[in-house]
């Protein structure tokens, strides 16, 4: 029993050090972006949200992943992505890495374990909305983290003038 009480803190400490060193970051997917008017499909497990989940009606996580897109600000793509960039910068752990005229890519990193989620936003001219997708790189369950983060982004975005 004494060995267990010593080993557990040592293992937890080693795990935290490994996480802080980037062991839980995962690798950035190579298939992100807009292809044929679509963002990447939702993950096969409960660790993503997508405003385009309805485009994949047979997808096993369609119901879990479904989330509303962001409205365009005054119908203006430039103003919308500018407001979105500012909103993302206000959310802890989020870094914008790529911003194009109609697309924005950001990463969100958790504070302690350094898990990374990939976030994509695309101003869709066909729907007049900002389509979005957020997915964890690792794990089968995100316990609602991507949805909560997107809703925080939505609130910050809607609060922008």
C-alpha atoms as a PDB file:
ATOM      1  CA  UNK A   1       0.000   0.000   0.000  1.00  0.00           C
ATOM      2  CA  UNK A   2       2.878   2.371   0.795  1.00  0.00           C
ATOM      3  CA  UNK A   3       4.397   1.721  -2.648  1.00  0.00           C
ATOM      4  CA  UNK A   4       1.080   2.689  -4.264  1.00  0.00           C
ATOM      5  CA  UNK A   5       0.885   5.935  -2.279  1.00  0.00           C
ATOM      6  CA  UNK A   6       4.374   6.846  -3.512  1.00  0.00           C
ATOM      7  CA  UNK A   7       3.986   5.600  -7.082  1.00  0.00           C
ATOM      8  CA  UNK A   8       0.700   7.381  -7.819  1.00  0.00           C
ATOM      9  CA  UNK A   9       1.985  10.928  -7.263  1.00  0.00           C
ATOM     10  CA  UNK A  10       5.153  10.089  -9.209  1.00  0.00           C
ATOM     11  CA  UNK A  11       3.106   8.770 -12.148  1.00  0.00           C
ATOM     12  CA  UNK A  12       0.764  11.753 -12.065  1.00  0.00           C
ATOM     13  CA  UNK A  13       3.707  14.148 -11.974  1.00  0.00           C
ATOM     14  CA  UNK A  14       5.399  12.378 -14.877  1.00  0.00           C
ATOM     15  CA  UNK A  15       2.167  12.488 -16.851  1.00  0.00           C
ATOM     16  CA  UNK A  16       1.725  16.204 -16.220  1.00  0.00           C
ATOM     17  CA  UNK A  17       5.327  16.877 -17.245  1.00  0.00           C
ATOM     18  CA  UNK A  18       4.836  14.873 -20.442  1.00  0.00           C
ATOM     19  CA  UNK A  19       1.645  16.810 -21.199  1.00  0.00           C
ATOM     20  CA  UNK A  20       3.374  20.129 -20.561  1.00  0.00           C
ATOM     21  CA  UNK A  21       6.095  19.000 -22.949  1.00  0.00           C
ATOM     22  CA  UNK A  22       3.554  18.554 -25.733  1.00  0.00           C
ATOM     23  CA  UNK A  23       2.908  14.807 -25.615  1.00  0.00           C
ATOM     24  CA  UNK A  24      -0.877  15.370 -25.855  1.00  0.00           C
ATOM     25  CA  UNK A  25      -0.861  17.959 -28.671  1.00  0.00           C
ATOM     26  CA  UNK A  26      -1.469  15.442 -31.431  1.00  0.00           C
ATOM     27  CA  UNK A  27      -0.686  16.348 -35.025  1.00  0.00           C
ATOM     28  CA  UNK A  28      -2.467  18.880 -37.181  1.00  0.00           C
ATOM     29  CA  UNK A  29      -4.721  17.185 -39.748  1.00  0.00           C
ATOM     30  CA  UNK A  30      -3.604  17.607 -43.349  1.00  0.00           C
ATOM     31  CA  UNK A  31      -7.146  17.631 -44.746  1.00  0.00           C
ATOM     32  CA  UNK A  32      -8.463  20.878 -43.250  1.00  0.00           C
ATOM     33  CA  UNK A  33      -9.848  23.718 -45.349  1.00  0.00           C
ATOM     34  CA  UNK A  34     -12.770  24.082 -47.738  1.00  0.00           C
ATOM     35  CA  UNK A  35     -13.174  21.417 -50.398  1.00  0.00           C
ATOM     36  CA  UNK A  36     -16.171  21.400 -52.743  1.00  0.00           C
ATOM     37  CA  UNK A  37     -18.001  23.901 -50.519  1.00  0.00           C
ATOM     38  CA  UNK A  38     -17.506  21.854 -47.370  1.00  0.00           C
ATOM     39  CA  UNK A  39     -15.356  21.851 -44.297  1.00  0.00           C
ATOM     40  CA  UNK A  40     -14.054  18.492 -43.122  1.00  0.00           C
ATOM     41  CA  UNK A  41     -16.767  16.111 -41.879  1.00  0.00           C
ATOM     42  CA  UNK A  42     -17.348  15.789 -38.122  1.00  0.00           C
ATOM     43  CA  UNK A  43     -15.160  13.318 -36.264  1.00  0.00           C
ATOM     44  CA  UNK A  44     -16.336   9.722 -36.062  1.00  0.00           C
ATOM     45  CA  UNK A  45     -16.404  10.040 -32.252  1.00  0.00           C
ATOM     46  CA  UNK A  46     -17.983  12.541 -29.828  1.00  0.00           C
ATOM     47  CA  UNK A  47     -15.221  15.123 -30.009  1.00  0.00           C
ATOM     48  CA  UNK A  48     -16.249  17.676 -32.632  1.00  0.00           C
ATOM     49  CA  UNK A  49     -18.923  20.152 -33.672  1.00  0.00           C
ATOM     50  CA  UNK A  50     -19.756  21.334 -37.179  1.00  0.00           C
ATOM     51  CA  UNK A  51     -22.316  23.688 -38.660  1.00  0.00           C
ATOM     52  CA  UNK A  52     -22.213  21.468 -41.745  1.00  0.00           C
ATOM     53  CA  UNK A  53     -22.995  18.215 -39.937  1.00  0.00           C
ATOM     54  CA  UNK A  54     -26.327  18.126 -41.808  1.00  0.00           C
ATOM     55  CA  UNK A  55     -24.410  17.632 -45.062  1.00  0.00           C
ATOM     56  CA  UNK A  56     -23.465  14.199 -43.729  1.00  0.00           C
ATOM     57  CA  UNK A  57     -26.882  12.699 -42.796  1.00  0.00           C
ATOM     58  CA  UNK A  58     -25.559   9.149 -42.381  1.00  0.00           C
ATOM     59  CA  UNK A  59     -22.637  10.227 -40.214  1.00  0.00           C
ATOM     60  CA  UNK A  60     -22.618   8.407 -36.828  1.00  0.00           C
ATOM     61  CA  UNK A  61     -22.108  11.651 -34.853  1.00  0.00           C
ATOM     62  CA  UNK A  62     -24.403  13.882 -36.922  1.00  0.00           C
ATOM     63  CA  UNK A  63     -26.722  14.726 -34.024  1.00  0.00           C
ATOM     64  CA  UNK A  64     -23.960  15.284 -31.488  1.00  0.00           C
ATOM     65  CA  UNK A  65     -21.831  17.399 -33.821  1.00  0.00           C
ATOM     66  CA  UNK A  66     -24.563  19.663 -35.202  1.00  0.00           C
ATOM     67  CA  UNK A  67     -24.233  23.348 -34.261  1.00  0.00           C
ATOM     68  CA  UNK A  68     -25.511  26.573 -35.831  1.00  0.00           C
ATOM     69  CA  UNK A  69     -23.202  28.660 -38.058  1.00  0.00           C
ATOM     70  CA  UNK A  70     -22.377  32.262 -37.223  1.00  0.00           C
ATOM     71  CA  UNK A  71     -24.387  34.967 -38.998  1.00  0.00           C
ATOM     72  CA  UNK A  72     -22.491  37.308 -41.299  1.00  0.00           C
ATOM     73  CA  UNK A  73     -22.126  40.799 -39.869  1.00  0.00           C
ATOM     74  CA  UNK A  74     -24.204  43.000 -42.169  1.00  0.00           C
ATOM     75  CA  UNK A  75     -23.717  40.518 -44.981  1.00  0.00           C
ATOM     76  CA  UNK A  76     -20.048  41.524 -45.129  1.00  0.00           C
ATOM     77  CA  UNK A  77     -17.423  38.776 -45.225  1.00  0.00           C
ATOM     78  CA  UNK A  78     -14.484  41.087 -44.408  1.00  0.00           C
ATOM     79  CA  UNK A  79     -16.230  42.641 -41.397  1.00  0.00           C
ATOM     80  CA  UNK A  80     -17.387  39.210 -40.229  1.00  0.00           C
ATOM     81  CA  UNK A  81     -13.941  37.617 -40.324  1.00  0.00           C
ATOM     82  CA  UNK A  82     -12.384  40.676 -38.691  1.00  0.00           C
ATOM     83  CA  UNK A  83     -14.922  40.465 -35.841  1.00  0.00           C
ATOM     84  CA  UNK A  84     -14.363  36.712 -35.631  1.00  0.00           C
ATOM     85  CA  UNK A  85     -10.597  37.158 -35.368  1.00  0.00           C
ATOM     86  CA  UNK A  86     -11.069  39.627 -32.515  1.00  0.00           C
ATOM     87  CA  UNK A  87     -13.552  37.295 -30.817  1.00  0.00           C
ATOM     88  CA  UNK A  88     -11.138  34.359 -31.061  1.00  0.00           C
ATOM     89  CA  UNK A  89      -8.344  36.424 -29.523  1.00  0.00           C
ATOM     90  CA  UNK A  90     -10.567  37.054 -26.503  1.00  0.00           C
ATOM     91  CA  UNK A  91     -11.029  33.342 -25.758  1.00  0.00           C
ATOM     92  CA  UNK A  92      -8.306  31.890 -23.492  1.00  0.00           C
ATOM     93  CA  UNK A  93      -6.002  29.364 -25.148  1.00  0.00           C
ATOM     94  CA  UNK A  94      -7.050  30.203 -28.740  1.00  0.00           C
ATOM     95  CA  UNK A  95      -4.506  31.283 -31.345  1.00  0.00           C
ATOM     96  CA  UNK A  96      -5.399  32.337 -34.900  1.00  0.00           C
ATOM     97  CA  UNK A  97      -2.863  30.751 -37.257  1.00  0.00           C
ATOM     98  CA  UNK A  98      -4.248  31.445 -40.730  1.00  0.00           C
ATOM     99  CA  UNK A  99      -6.627  34.099 -41.977  1.00  0.00           C
ATOM    100  CA  UNK A 100      -7.610  34.323 -45.627  1.00  0.00           C
ATOM    101  CA  UNK A 101     -10.307  36.522 -47.224  1.00  0.00           C
ATOM    102  CA  UNK A 102     -13.050  33.932 -46.558  1.00  0.00           C
ATOM    103  CA  UNK A 103     -11.436  31.363 -44.209  1.00  0.00           C
ATOM    104  CA  UNK A 104      -9.913  31.406 -40.742  1.00  0.00           C
ATOM    105  CA  UNK A 105      -8.010  28.626 -38.959  1.00  0.00           C
ATOM    106  CA  UNK A 106      -7.250  28.663 -35.240  1.00  0.00           C
ATOM    107  CA  UNK A 107      -6.055  26.252 -32.588  1.00  0.00           C
ATOM    108  CA  UNK A 108      -7.281  25.992 -29.025  1.00  0.00           C
ATOM    109  CA  UNK A 109      -5.000  24.545 -26.364  1.00  0.00           C
ATOM    110  CA  UNK A 110      -6.117  23.446 -22.914  1.00  0.00           C
ATOM    111  CA  UNK A 111      -4.269  24.990 -20.004  1.00  0.00           C
ATOM    112  CA  UNK A 112      -2.923  22.036 -18.048  1.00  0.00           C
ATOM    113  CA  UNK A 113      -2.775  19.025 -20.320  1.00  0.00           C
ATOM    114  CA  UNK A 114      -2.102  21.010 -23.533  1.00  0.00           C
ATOM    115  CA  UNK A 115      -4.645  19.125 -25.683  1.00  0.00           C
ATOM    116  CA  UNK A 116      -5.097  20.912 -29.024  1.00  0.00           C
ATOM    117  CA  UNK A 117      -8.362  21.368 -30.917  1.00  0.00           C
ATOM    118  CA  UNK A 118      -8.503  22.581 -34.520  1.00  0.00           C
ATOM    119  CA  UNK A 119     -11.040  25.311 -35.333  1.00  0.00           C
ATOM    120  CA  UNK A 120     -12.091  26.313 -38.855  1.00  0.00           C
ATOM    121  CA  UNK A 121     -14.408  29.085 -40.000  1.00  0.00           C
ATOM    122  CA  UNK A 122     -15.517  29.708 -43.596  1.00  0.00           C
ATOM    123  CA  UNK A 123     -17.692  32.520 -44.921  1.00  0.00           C
ATOM    124  CA  UNK A 124     -20.024  30.500 -47.139  1.00  0.00           C
ATOM    125  CA  UNK A 125     -21.425  32.643 -49.977  1.00  0.00           C
ATOM    126  CA  UNK A 126     -24.222  30.124 -50.643  1.00  0.00           C
ATOM    127  CA  UNK A 127     -25.664  30.322 -47.112  1.00  0.00           C
ATOM    128  CA  UNK A 128     -24.610  33.856 -46.184  1.00  0.00           C
ATOM    129  CA  UNK A 129     -23.193  32.523 -42.912  1.00  0.00           C
ATOM    130  CA  UNK A 130     -19.865  31.631 -41.351  1.00  0.00           C
ATOM    131  CA  UNK A 131     -19.706  27.839 -41.328  1.00  0.00           C
ATOM    132  CA  UNK A 132     -17.593  26.365 -38.550  1.00  0.00           C
ATOM    133  CA  UNK A 133     -15.961  23.193 -37.354  1.00  0.00           C
ATOM    134  CA  UNK A 134     -14.061  22.504 -34.150  1.00  0.00           C
ATOM    135  CA  UNK A 135     -12.535  19.113 -33.354  1.00  0.00           C
ATOM    136  CA  UNK A 136     -10.200  17.544 -30.842  1.00  0.00           C
ATOM    137  CA  UNK A 137      -7.095  15.927 -32.253  1.00  0.00           C
ATOM    138  CA  UNK A 138      -6.929  13.200 -29.631  1.00  0.00           C
ATOM    139  CA  UNK A 139      -9.463  11.162 -27.723  1.00  0.00           C
ATOM    140  CA  UNK A 140     -12.912   9.800 -28.402  1.00  0.00           C
ATOM    141  CA  UNK A 141     -14.865  12.200 -26.164  1.00  0.00           C
ATOM    142  CA  UNK A 142     -14.435  15.924 -25.549  1.00  0.00           C
ATOM    143  CA  UNK A 143     -17.089  16.196 -22.794  1.00  0.00           C
ATOM    144  CA  UNK A 144     -18.628  19.146 -24.647  1.00  0.00           C
ATOM    145  CA  UNK A 145     -15.422  21.231 -24.704  1.00  0.00           C
ATOM    146  CA  UNK A 146     -15.614  22.099 -28.414  1.00  0.00           C
ATOM    147  CA  UNK A 147     -19.282  23.109 -28.177  1.00  0.00           C
ATOM    148  CA  UNK A 148     -18.633  25.250 -25.079  1.00  0.00           C
ATOM    149  CA  UNK A 149     -15.677  26.963 -26.739  1.00  0.00           C
ATOM    150  CA  UNK A 150     -17.613  27.653 -29.954  1.00  0.00           C
ATOM    151  CA  UNK A 151     -20.491  29.108 -27.931  1.00  0.00           C
ATOM    152  CA  UNK A 152     -17.983  31.359 -26.112  1.00  0.00           C
ATOM    153  CA  UNK A 153     -16.639  32.428 -29.522  1.00  0.00           C
ATOM    154  CA  UNK A 154     -20.214  33.014 -30.733  1.00  0.00           C
ATOM    155  CA  UNK A 155     -20.985  35.261 -27.756  1.00  0.00           C
ATOM    156  CA  UNK A 156     -17.769  37.262 -28.246  1.00  0.00           C
ATOM    157  CA  UNK A 157     -18.421  37.482 -32.007  1.00  0.00           C
ATOM    158  CA  UNK A 158     -21.983  38.688 -31.604  1.00  0.00           C
ATOM    159  CA  UNK A 159     -20.821  41.297 -29.081  1.00  0.00           C
ATOM    160  CA  UNK A 160     -18.457  42.803 -31.694  1.00  0.00           C
ATOM    161  CA  UNK A 161     -19.826  45.942 -33.446  1.00  0.00           C
END
